[in-house]
Amino acid sequence: MSEATLGRTFSDDAAVMICRTPQPRDLAHAVRDGWYRIPCDRAPRRLAVDLLAFYQPASFGAARHRIEWVAPLERIDVAVRRAMLPDEPWHPRAAAPYWILWLGAPMALPEPLVSQRLRRFSFRYTQWWWLLCAGDVANSGSAAPAVPAAAPWW
């Protein structure tokens, strides 16, 4: 995977969509290749966000139940699955339309946001500052409060 863009800053209230990355290869596509895919018929209603954060489920082994990477969303297109994954023409959804979220330079979080227990979700929304100070994936969810008057350390 490519190195993170260190030192990049985002506004505190930047909208973040936390995306479940089912397999390590999905995270590799996001971090190395600069895209993330979502089946159009299973997509969340809101795709207009500033950043994507990638949740790593149990399939990641020792690196499971955490968020280590974020990337800015640059644009959104639609393509059939086989266009993005030509090595899988046999897949049952090969002809299905997918939202392709094109990403900017990925960035590793200063500290991974680890979940103390299994979290089952596909997408969650939060704000950048709340993601950084959540302490647990469970605390990073949809109900992020407004940015406090005395912003956190960053």
N, C-alpha and C. Protein backbone atom coordinates (compact mmCIF):
# COMPACT_ATOMS: atom_id res chain seq x y z
N MET A 1 0.84 -1.18 0.00
CA MET A 1 0.00 0.00 0.00
C MET A 1 0.88 1.24 0.00
N SER A 2 0.34 2.31 -0.51
CA SER A 2 1.14 3.53 -0.61
C SER A 2 1.28 4.19 0.75
N GLU A 3 2.24 5.06 0.85
CA GLU A 3 2.44 5.77 2.09
C GLU A 3 1.38 6.84 2.26
N ALA A 4 1.10 7.16 3.50
CA ALA A 4 0.09 8.17 3.80
C ALA A 4 0.63 9.56 3.51
N THR A 5 -0.29 10.47 3.25
CA THR A 5 0.07 11.86 3.09
C THR A 5 0.06 12.47 4.49
N LEU A 6 1.21 12.57 5.09
CA LEU A 6 1.29 13.08 6.46
C LEU A 6 1.21 14.59 6.48
N GLY A 7 0.62 15.10 7.52
CA GLY A 7 0.53 16.54 7.67
C GLY A 7 -0.66 17.16 6.98
N ARG A 8 -1.46 16.39 6.27
CA ARG A 8 -2.64 16.92 5.59
C ARG A 8 -3.70 17.26 6.63
N THR A 9 -4.34 18.39 6.47
CA THR A 9 -5.35 18.80 7.43
C THR A 9 -6.71 18.94 6.75
N PHE A 10 -7.75 18.75 7.53
CA PHE A 10 -9.12 18.89 7.08
C PHE A 10 -9.84 19.78 8.08
N SER A 11 -10.92 20.43 7.65
CA SER A 11 -11.67 21.25 8.60
C SER A 11 -12.29 20.33 9.65
N ASP A 12 -12.44 20.85 10.86
CA ASP A 12 -12.97 20.06 11.96
C ASP A 12 -14.33 19.46 11.65
N ASP A 13 -15.16 20.20 10.92
CA ASP A 13 -16.52 19.72 10.65
C ASP A 13 -16.65 19.01 9.30
N ALA A 14 -15.54 18.59 8.71
CA ALA A 14 -15.59 17.84 7.45
C ALA A 14 -16.43 16.57 7.65
N ALA A 15 -17.34 16.30 6.71
CA ALA A 15 -18.21 15.13 6.79
C ALA A 15 -17.43 13.87 6.45
N VAL A 16 -17.55 12.86 7.29
CA VAL A 16 -16.84 11.60 7.12
C VAL A 16 -17.86 10.46 7.02
N MET A 17 -17.70 9.62 6.00
CA MET A 17 -18.49 8.40 5.91
C MET A 17 -17.56 7.24 6.25
N ILE A 18 -17.90 6.50 7.30
CA ILE A 18 -17.14 5.32 7.67
C ILE A 18 -17.69 4.16 6.85
N CYS A 19 -16.82 3.53 6.06
CA CYS A 19 -17.20 2.47 5.14
C CYS A 19 -16.60 1.15 5.59
N ARG A 20 -17.39 0.13 5.63
CA ARG A 20 -16.89 -1.21 5.93
C ARG A 20 -16.15 -1.71 4.69
N THR A 21 -14.93 -2.15 4.86
CA THR A 21 -14.15 -2.73 3.76
C THR A 21 -14.14 -4.24 3.97
N PRO A 22 -14.97 -4.97 3.23
CA PRO A 22 -15.17 -6.39 3.51
C PRO A 22 -13.89 -7.24 3.53
N GLN A 23 -12.98 -6.99 2.62
CA GLN A 23 -11.76 -7.79 2.51
C GLN A 23 -10.54 -6.88 2.39
N PRO A 24 -9.35 -7.39 2.77
CA PRO A 24 -8.14 -6.59 2.62
C PRO A 24 -7.92 -6.05 1.20
N ARG A 25 -8.33 -6.79 0.19
CA ARG A 25 -8.15 -6.29 -1.18
C ARG A 25 -8.99 -5.04 -1.43
N ASP A 26 -10.14 -4.90 -0.74
CA ASP A 26 -10.96 -3.70 -0.89
C ASP A 26 -10.24 -2.49 -0.31
N LEU A 27 -9.56 -2.68 0.81
CA LEU A 27 -8.77 -1.59 1.38
C LEU A 27 -7.59 -1.27 0.46
N ALA A 28 -7.00 -2.28 -0.15
CA ALA A 28 -5.88 -2.05 -1.09
C ALA A 28 -6.35 -1.22 -2.29
N HIS A 29 -7.54 -1.51 -2.80
CA HIS A 29 -8.07 -0.70 -3.91
C HIS A 29 -8.23 0.75 -3.48
N ALA A 30 -8.71 0.97 -2.26
CA ALA A 30 -8.91 2.34 -1.79
C ALA A 30 -7.58 3.06 -1.58
N VAL A 31 -6.66 2.41 -0.88
CA VAL A 31 -5.40 3.07 -0.51
C VAL A 31 -4.41 3.11 -1.67
N ARG A 32 -4.27 2.02 -2.39
CA ARG A 32 -3.28 1.94 -3.47
C ARG A 32 -3.81 2.47 -4.79
N ASP A 33 -5.06 2.08 -5.12
CA ASP A 33 -5.60 2.41 -6.44
C ASP A 33 -6.48 3.66 -6.46
N GLY A 34 -6.90 4.13 -5.29
CA GLY A 34 -7.65 5.38 -5.22
C GLY A 34 -9.13 5.29 -5.53
N TRP A 35 -9.77 4.13 -5.28
CA TRP A 35 -11.21 4.03 -5.48
C TRP A 35 -11.84 3.04 -4.52
N TYR A 36 -13.12 3.29 -4.26
CA TYR A 36 -13.93 2.42 -3.40
C TYR A 36 -15.25 2.22 -4.13
N ARG A 37 -15.79 1.02 -4.08
CA ARG A 37 -17.03 0.73 -4.82
C ARG A 37 -18.17 0.38 -3.88
N ILE A 38 -19.38 0.76 -4.30
CA ILE A 38 -20.60 0.45 -3.56
C ILE A 38 -21.66 0.05 -4.58
N PRO A 39 -22.29 -1.11 -4.43
CA PRO A 39 -23.38 -1.46 -5.36
C PRO A 39 -24.47 -0.39 -5.30
N CYS A 40 -24.91 0.06 -6.44
CA CYS A 40 -25.93 1.14 -6.49
C CYS A 40 -27.18 0.76 -5.71
N ASP A 41 -27.58 -0.51 -5.77
CA ASP A 41 -28.81 -0.90 -5.09
C ASP A 41 -28.64 -1.09 -3.58
N ARG A 42 -27.42 -0.96 -3.08
CA ARG A 42 -27.15 -1.11 -1.65
C ARG A 42 -26.49 0.12 -1.05
N ALA A 43 -26.41 1.17 -1.82
CA ALA A 43 -25.69 2.38 -1.39
C ALA A 43 -26.49 3.15 -0.34
N PRO A 44 -25.79 3.83 0.55
CA PRO A 44 -26.49 4.70 1.49
C PRO A 44 -27.06 5.90 0.73
N ARG A 45 -27.99 6.58 1.34
CA ARG A 45 -28.63 7.73 0.68
C ARG A 45 -27.67 8.89 0.50
N ARG A 46 -26.74 9.03 1.41
CA ARG A 46 -25.83 10.18 1.37
C ARG A 46 -24.43 9.74 0.97
N LEU A 47 -24.01 10.18 -0.21
CA LEU A 47 -22.64 9.92 -0.67
C LEU A 47 -21.81 11.19 -0.71
N ALA A 48 -22.45 12.34 -0.58
CA ALA A 48 -21.75 13.62 -0.64
C ALA A 48 -21.09 13.89 0.71
N VAL A 49 -19.86 13.43 0.84
CA VAL A 49 -19.07 13.62 2.05
C VAL A 49 -17.70 14.16 1.66
N ASP A 50 -16.94 14.58 2.65
CA ASP A 50 -15.59 15.09 2.39
C ASP A 50 -14.53 13.98 2.43
N LEU A 51 -14.73 13.02 3.34
CA LEU A 51 -13.73 11.98 3.57
C LEU A 51 -14.39 10.62 3.73
N LEU A 52 -13.65 9.57 3.38
CA LEU A 52 -14.06 8.21 3.67
C LEU A 52 -13.07 7.65 4.68
N ALA A 53 -13.59 6.96 5.68
CA ALA A 53 -12.77 6.24 6.66
C ALA A 53 -13.09 4.76 6.47
N PHE A 54 -12.09 3.90 6.54
CA PHE A 54 -12.25 2.51 6.17
C PHE A 54 -12.19 1.60 7.39
N TYR A 55 -13.34 1.01 7.74
CA TYR A 55 -13.43 0.09 8.88
C TYR A 55 -13.02 -1.31 8.42
N GLN A 56 -12.14 -1.93 9.19
CA GLN A 56 -11.60 -3.25 8.86
C GLN A 56 -12.28 -4.30 9.74
N PRO A 57 -13.13 -5.16 9.16
CA PRO A 57 -13.83 -6.17 9.95
C PRO A 57 -12.95 -7.39 10.24
N ALA A 58 -13.55 -8.47 10.70
CA ALA A 58 -12.83 -9.67 11.13
C ALA A 58 -11.94 -10.28 10.04
N SER A 59 -12.27 -10.06 8.77
CA SER A 59 -11.47 -10.64 7.69
C SER A 59 -10.04 -10.10 7.66
N PHE A 60 -9.75 -9.06 8.44
CA PHE A 60 -8.40 -8.47 8.49
C PHE A 60 -7.50 -9.13 9.53
N GLY A 61 -7.98 -10.19 10.17
CA GLY A 61 -7.16 -10.92 11.13
C GLY A 61 -6.76 -10.05 12.32
N ALA A 62 -5.47 -9.97 12.59
CA ALA A 62 -4.97 -9.21 13.74
C ALA A 62 -5.26 -7.71 13.63
N ALA A 63 -5.48 -7.20 12.43
CA ALA A 63 -5.78 -5.77 12.23
C ALA A 63 -7.29 -5.53 12.12
N ARG A 64 -8.09 -6.40 12.73
CA ARG A 64 -9.55 -6.31 12.63
C ARG A 64 -10.14 -5.29 13.60
N HIS A 65 -11.39 -4.92 13.30
CA HIS A 65 -12.20 -4.05 14.16
C HIS A 65 -11.54 -2.71 14.43
N ARG A 66 -11.08 -2.09 13.37
CA ARG A 66 -10.41 -0.80 13.51
C ARG A 66 -10.51 0.03 12.25
N ILE A 67 -10.21 1.31 12.41
CA ILE A 67 -10.07 2.23 11.28
C ILE A 67 -8.64 2.73 11.32
N GLU A 68 -7.90 2.50 10.25
CA GLU A 68 -6.51 2.95 10.17
C GLU A 68 -6.31 4.00 9.08
N TRP A 69 -7.19 4.00 8.06
CA TRP A 69 -6.99 4.84 6.90
C TRP A 69 -8.20 5.72 6.62
N VAL A 70 -7.93 6.94 6.14
CA VAL A 70 -8.96 7.84 5.62
C VAL A 70 -8.45 8.39 4.28
N ALA A 71 -9.39 8.84 3.45
CA ALA A 71 -9.02 9.44 2.17
C ALA A 71 -10.10 10.45 1.78
N PRO A 72 -9.70 11.56 1.19
CA PRO A 72 -10.70 12.54 0.73
C PRO A 72 -11.43 12.03 -0.51
N LEU A 73 -12.72 12.33 -0.57
CA LEU A 73 -13.52 11.97 -1.74
C LEU A 73 -13.35 13.07 -2.78
N GLU A 74 -12.99 12.68 -3.99
CA GLU A 74 -12.77 13.67 -5.06
C GLU A 74 -13.91 13.73 -6.06
N ARG A 75 -14.45 12.56 -6.46
CA ARG A 75 -15.58 12.55 -7.38
C ARG A 75 -16.27 11.20 -7.32
N ILE A 76 -17.47 11.15 -7.90
CA ILE A 76 -18.25 9.91 -7.91
C ILE A 76 -18.70 9.62 -9.34
N ASP A 77 -18.53 8.38 -9.77
CA ASP A 77 -18.98 7.92 -11.08
C ASP A 77 -19.80 6.65 -10.89
N VAL A 78 -20.38 6.18 -11.99
CA VAL A 78 -21.07 4.89 -12.00
C VAL A 78 -20.40 4.02 -13.06
N ALA A 79 -20.18 2.76 -12.71
CA ALA A 79 -19.59 1.80 -13.65
C ALA A 79 -20.10 0.41 -13.29
N VAL A 80 -20.05 -0.51 -14.24
CA VAL A 80 -20.41 -1.88 -13.92
C VAL A 80 -19.22 -2.53 -13.21
N ARG A 81 -19.53 -3.51 -12.41
CA ARG A 81 -18.51 -4.16 -11.57
C ARG A 81 -17.36 -4.70 -12.41
N ARG A 82 -17.66 -5.32 -13.55
CA ARG A 82 -16.58 -5.93 -14.36
C ARG A 82 -15.59 -4.90 -14.89
N ALA A 83 -16.01 -3.64 -15.00
CA ALA A 83 -15.08 -2.59 -15.45
C ALA A 83 -14.03 -2.30 -14.37
N MET A 84 -14.43 -2.41 -13.11
CA MET A 84 -13.49 -2.13 -12.02
C MET A 84 -12.71 -3.38 -11.61
N LEU A 85 -13.34 -4.54 -11.78
CA LEU A 85 -12.70 -5.81 -11.40
C LEU A 85 -12.74 -6.77 -12.58
N PRO A 86 -11.94 -6.52 -13.62
CA PRO A 86 -12.00 -7.35 -14.83
C PRO A 86 -11.56 -8.79 -14.62
N ASP A 87 -10.87 -9.07 -13.52
CA ASP A 87 -10.43 -10.44 -13.24
C ASP A 87 -11.55 -11.31 -12.68
N GLU A 88 -12.75 -10.73 -12.52
CA GLU A 88 -13.87 -11.49 -11.96
C GLU A 88 -15.09 -11.46 -12.89
N PRO A 89 -14.94 -11.85 -14.16
CA PRO A 89 -16.09 -11.80 -15.07
C PRO A 89 -17.18 -12.79 -14.71
N TRP A 90 -16.87 -13.79 -13.92
CA TRP A 90 -17.80 -14.83 -13.50
C TRP A 90 -18.66 -14.41 -12.31
N HIS A 91 -18.32 -13.31 -11.66
CA HIS A 91 -19.04 -12.90 -10.45
C HIS A 91 -20.52 -12.67 -10.76
N PRO A 92 -21.43 -13.10 -9.87
CA PRO A 92 -22.87 -12.94 -10.12
C PRO A 92 -23.31 -11.49 -10.33
N ARG A 93 -22.55 -10.54 -9.78
CA ARG A 93 -22.91 -9.12 -9.92
C ARG A 93 -22.01 -8.41 -10.93
N ALA A 94 -21.35 -9.14 -11.81
CA ALA A 94 -20.40 -8.56 -12.76
C ALA A 94 -21.02 -7.47 -13.63
N ALA A 95 -22.29 -7.61 -13.98
CA ALA A 95 -22.95 -6.61 -14.83
C ALA A 95 -23.72 -5.57 -14.03
N ALA A 96 -23.67 -5.64 -12.73
CA ALA A 96 -24.42 -4.71 -11.88
C ALA A 96 -23.74 -3.34 -11.82
N PRO A 97 -24.53 -2.26 -11.74
CA PRO A 97 -23.94 -0.92 -11.62
C PRO A 97 -23.45 -0.66 -10.19
N TYR A 98 -22.32 0.01 -10.11
CA TYR A 98 -21.72 0.36 -8.83
C TYR A 98 -21.39 1.85 -8.83
N TRP A 99 -21.52 2.47 -7.66
CA TRP A 99 -20.98 3.81 -7.47
C TRP A 99 -19.48 3.63 -7.29
N ILE A 100 -18.70 4.39 -8.01
CA ILE A 100 -17.25 4.38 -7.86
C ILE A 100 -16.86 5.70 -7.22
N LEU A 101 -16.35 5.63 -6.01
CA LEU A 101 -15.93 6.82 -5.28
C LEU A 101 -14.42 6.96 -5.48
N TRP A 102 -14.02 7.98 -6.23
CA TRP A 102 -12.60 8.23 -6.53
C TRP A 102 -12.02 9.04 -5.39
N LEU A 103 -10.86 8.64 -4.93
CA LEU A 103 -10.27 9.19 -3.72
C LEU A 103 -8.99 9.96 -3.99
N GLY A 104 -8.73 10.91 -3.12
CA GLY A 104 -7.45 11.61 -3.13
C GLY A 104 -6.42 10.79 -2.35
N ALA A 105 -5.31 11.41 -2.04
CA ALA A 105 -4.22 10.73 -1.34
C ALA A 105 -4.68 10.21 0.02
N PRO A 106 -4.48 8.92 0.28
CA PRO A 106 -4.89 8.36 1.57
C PRO A 106 -3.98 8.84 2.70
N MET A 107 -4.51 8.78 3.90
CA MET A 107 -3.76 9.20 5.07
C MET A 107 -4.01 8.21 6.20
N ALA A 108 -2.95 7.76 6.84
CA ALA A 108 -3.09 6.90 8.02
C ALA A 108 -3.46 7.77 9.21
N LEU A 109 -4.41 7.30 10.02
CA LEU A 109 -4.74 8.04 11.24
C LEU A 109 -3.52 8.03 12.16
N PRO A 110 -3.35 9.08 12.97
CA PRO A 110 -2.21 9.10 13.90
C PRO A 110 -2.19 7.87 14.81
N GLU A 111 -3.36 7.44 15.25
CA GLU A 111 -3.54 6.22 16.03
C GLU A 111 -4.77 5.51 15.45
N PRO A 112 -4.70 4.21 15.21
CA PRO A 112 -5.90 3.53 14.71
C PRO A 112 -7.06 3.70 15.69
N LEU A 113 -8.25 3.85 15.16
CA LEU A 113 -9.46 3.92 15.98
C LEU A 113 -9.96 2.49 16.11
N VAL A 114 -9.74 1.90 17.27
CA VAL A 114 -10.02 0.49 17.49
C VAL A 114 -11.39 0.34 18.16
N SER A 115 -12.08 -0.72 17.78
CA SER A 115 -13.34 -1.07 18.41
C SER A 115 -13.07 -2.11 19.48
N GLN A 116 -13.60 -1.90 20.66
CA GLN A 116 -13.38 -2.86 21.74
C GLN A 116 -14.17 -4.15 21.52
N ARG A 117 -15.18 -4.09 20.65
CA ARG A 117 -15.93 -5.29 20.30
C ARG A 117 -16.44 -5.18 18.87
N LEU A 118 -16.92 -6.28 18.36
CA LEU A 118 -17.41 -6.36 16.99
C LEU A 118 -18.47 -5.30 16.72
N ARG A 119 -18.37 -4.64 15.57
CA ARG A 119 -19.37 -3.67 15.12
C ARG A 119 -19.90 -4.15 13.78
N ARG A 120 -21.21 -4.24 13.67
CA ARG A 120 -21.82 -4.64 12.39
C ARG A 120 -22.52 -3.46 11.78
N PHE A 121 -21.96 -2.94 10.72
CA PHE A 121 -22.56 -1.85 9.97
C PHE A 121 -21.91 -1.82 8.59
N SER A 122 -22.58 -1.16 7.67
CA SER A 122 -21.99 -0.96 6.34
C SER A 122 -21.44 0.45 6.21
N PHE A 123 -22.23 1.44 6.69
CA PHE A 123 -21.82 2.84 6.60
C PHE A 123 -22.29 3.57 7.84
N ARG A 124 -21.46 4.51 8.30
CA ARG A 124 -21.80 5.40 9.41
C ARG A 124 -21.28 6.77 9.04
N TYR A 125 -21.87 7.80 9.63
CA TYR A 125 -21.46 9.18 9.36
C TYR A 125 -20.98 9.85 10.63
N THR A 126 -20.01 10.72 10.46
CA THR A 126 -19.50 11.49 11.57
C THR A 126 -18.80 12.73 11.02
N GLN A 127 -18.10 13.43 11.89
CA GLN A 127 -17.29 14.57 11.49
C GLN A 127 -15.83 14.26 11.78
N TRP A 128 -14.94 14.92 11.07
CA TRP A 128 -13.51 14.66 11.17
C TRP A 128 -13.01 14.79 12.61
N TRP A 129 -13.33 15.87 13.28
CA TRP A 129 -12.82 16.07 14.65
C TRP A 129 -13.35 14.99 15.58
N TRP A 130 -14.60 14.55 15.36
CA TRP A 130 -15.19 13.54 16.23
C TRP A 130 -14.54 12.18 15.99
N LEU A 131 -14.18 11.90 14.75
CA LEU A 131 -13.49 10.65 14.44
C LEU A 131 -12.14 10.59 15.17
N LEU A 132 -11.45 11.73 15.19
CA LEU A 132 -10.13 11.76 15.81
C LEU A 132 -10.16 11.61 17.33
N CYS A 133 -11.24 12.04 17.96
CA CYS A 133 -11.27 11.99 19.43
C CYS A 133 -12.26 10.97 19.96
N ALA A 134 -12.83 10.13 19.10
CA ALA A 134 -13.87 9.18 19.53
C ALA A 134 -13.35 8.15 20.53
N GLY A 135 -12.14 7.65 20.35
CA GLY A 135 -11.60 6.67 21.27
C GLY A 135 -12.03 5.23 20.99
N ASP A 136 -13.16 5.04 20.34
CA ASP A 136 -13.69 3.72 19.99
C ASP A 136 -14.61 3.90 18.80
N VAL A 137 -14.64 2.93 17.91
CA VAL A 137 -15.52 3.02 16.75
C VAL A 137 -16.96 3.22 17.19
N ALA A 138 -17.35 2.64 18.32
CA ALA A 138 -18.72 2.78 18.82
C ALA A 138 -19.06 4.24 19.10
N ASN A 139 -18.07 5.05 19.45
CA ASN A 139 -18.30 6.45 19.77
C ASN A 139 -18.18 7.37 18.56
N SER A 140 -17.94 6.81 17.39
CA SER A 140 -17.69 7.62 16.20
C SER A 140 -18.93 7.83 15.37
N GLY A 141 -20.05 7.30 15.77
CA GLY A 141 -21.24 7.21 14.94
C GLY A 141 -21.95 8.48 14.58
N SER A 142 -23.14 8.31 14.09
CA SER A 142 -23.93 9.33 13.43
C SER A 142 -24.24 10.57 14.27
N ALA A 143 -24.22 10.48 15.55
CA ALA A 143 -24.66 11.60 16.38
C ALA A 143 -23.51 12.45 16.89
N ALA A 144 -22.63 12.85 16.01
CA ALA A 144 -21.50 13.69 16.41
C ALA A 144 -22.02 15.07 16.83
N PRO A 145 -21.64 15.54 18.02
CA PRO A 145 -22.09 16.86 18.45
C PRO A 145 -21.39 17.97 17.68
N ALA A 146 -21.85 19.16 17.84
CA ALA A 146 -21.23 20.31 17.19
C ALA A 146 -19.80 20.49 17.71
N VAL A 147 -18.96 21.12 16.90
CA VAL A 147 -17.58 21.37 17.31
C VAL A 147 -17.58 22.26 18.54
N PRO A 148 -16.89 21.86 19.61
CA PRO A 148 -16.89 22.67 20.83
C PRO A 148 -16.14 23.98 20.62
N ALA A 149 -16.42 24.94 21.49
CA ALA A 149 -15.76 26.24 21.40
C ALA A 149 -14.25 26.08 21.55
N ALA A 150 -13.84 25.24 22.49
CA ALA A 150 -12.41 24.95 22.68
C ALA A 150 -12.12 23.66 21.93
N ALA A 151 -11.66 23.79 20.70
CA ALA A 151 -11.43 22.62 19.87
C ALA A 151 -10.35 21.73 20.49
N PRO A 152 -10.41 20.41 20.21
CA PRO A 152 -9.39 19.52 20.72
C PRO A 152 -7.98 19.91 20.27
N TRP A 153 -7.00 19.14 20.66
CA TRP A 153 -5.59 19.46 20.51
C TRP A 153 -5.12 19.76 19.10
N TRP A 154 -5.76 19.33 18.09
CA TRP A 154 -5.25 19.56 16.74
C TRP A 154 -5.74 20.86 16.24
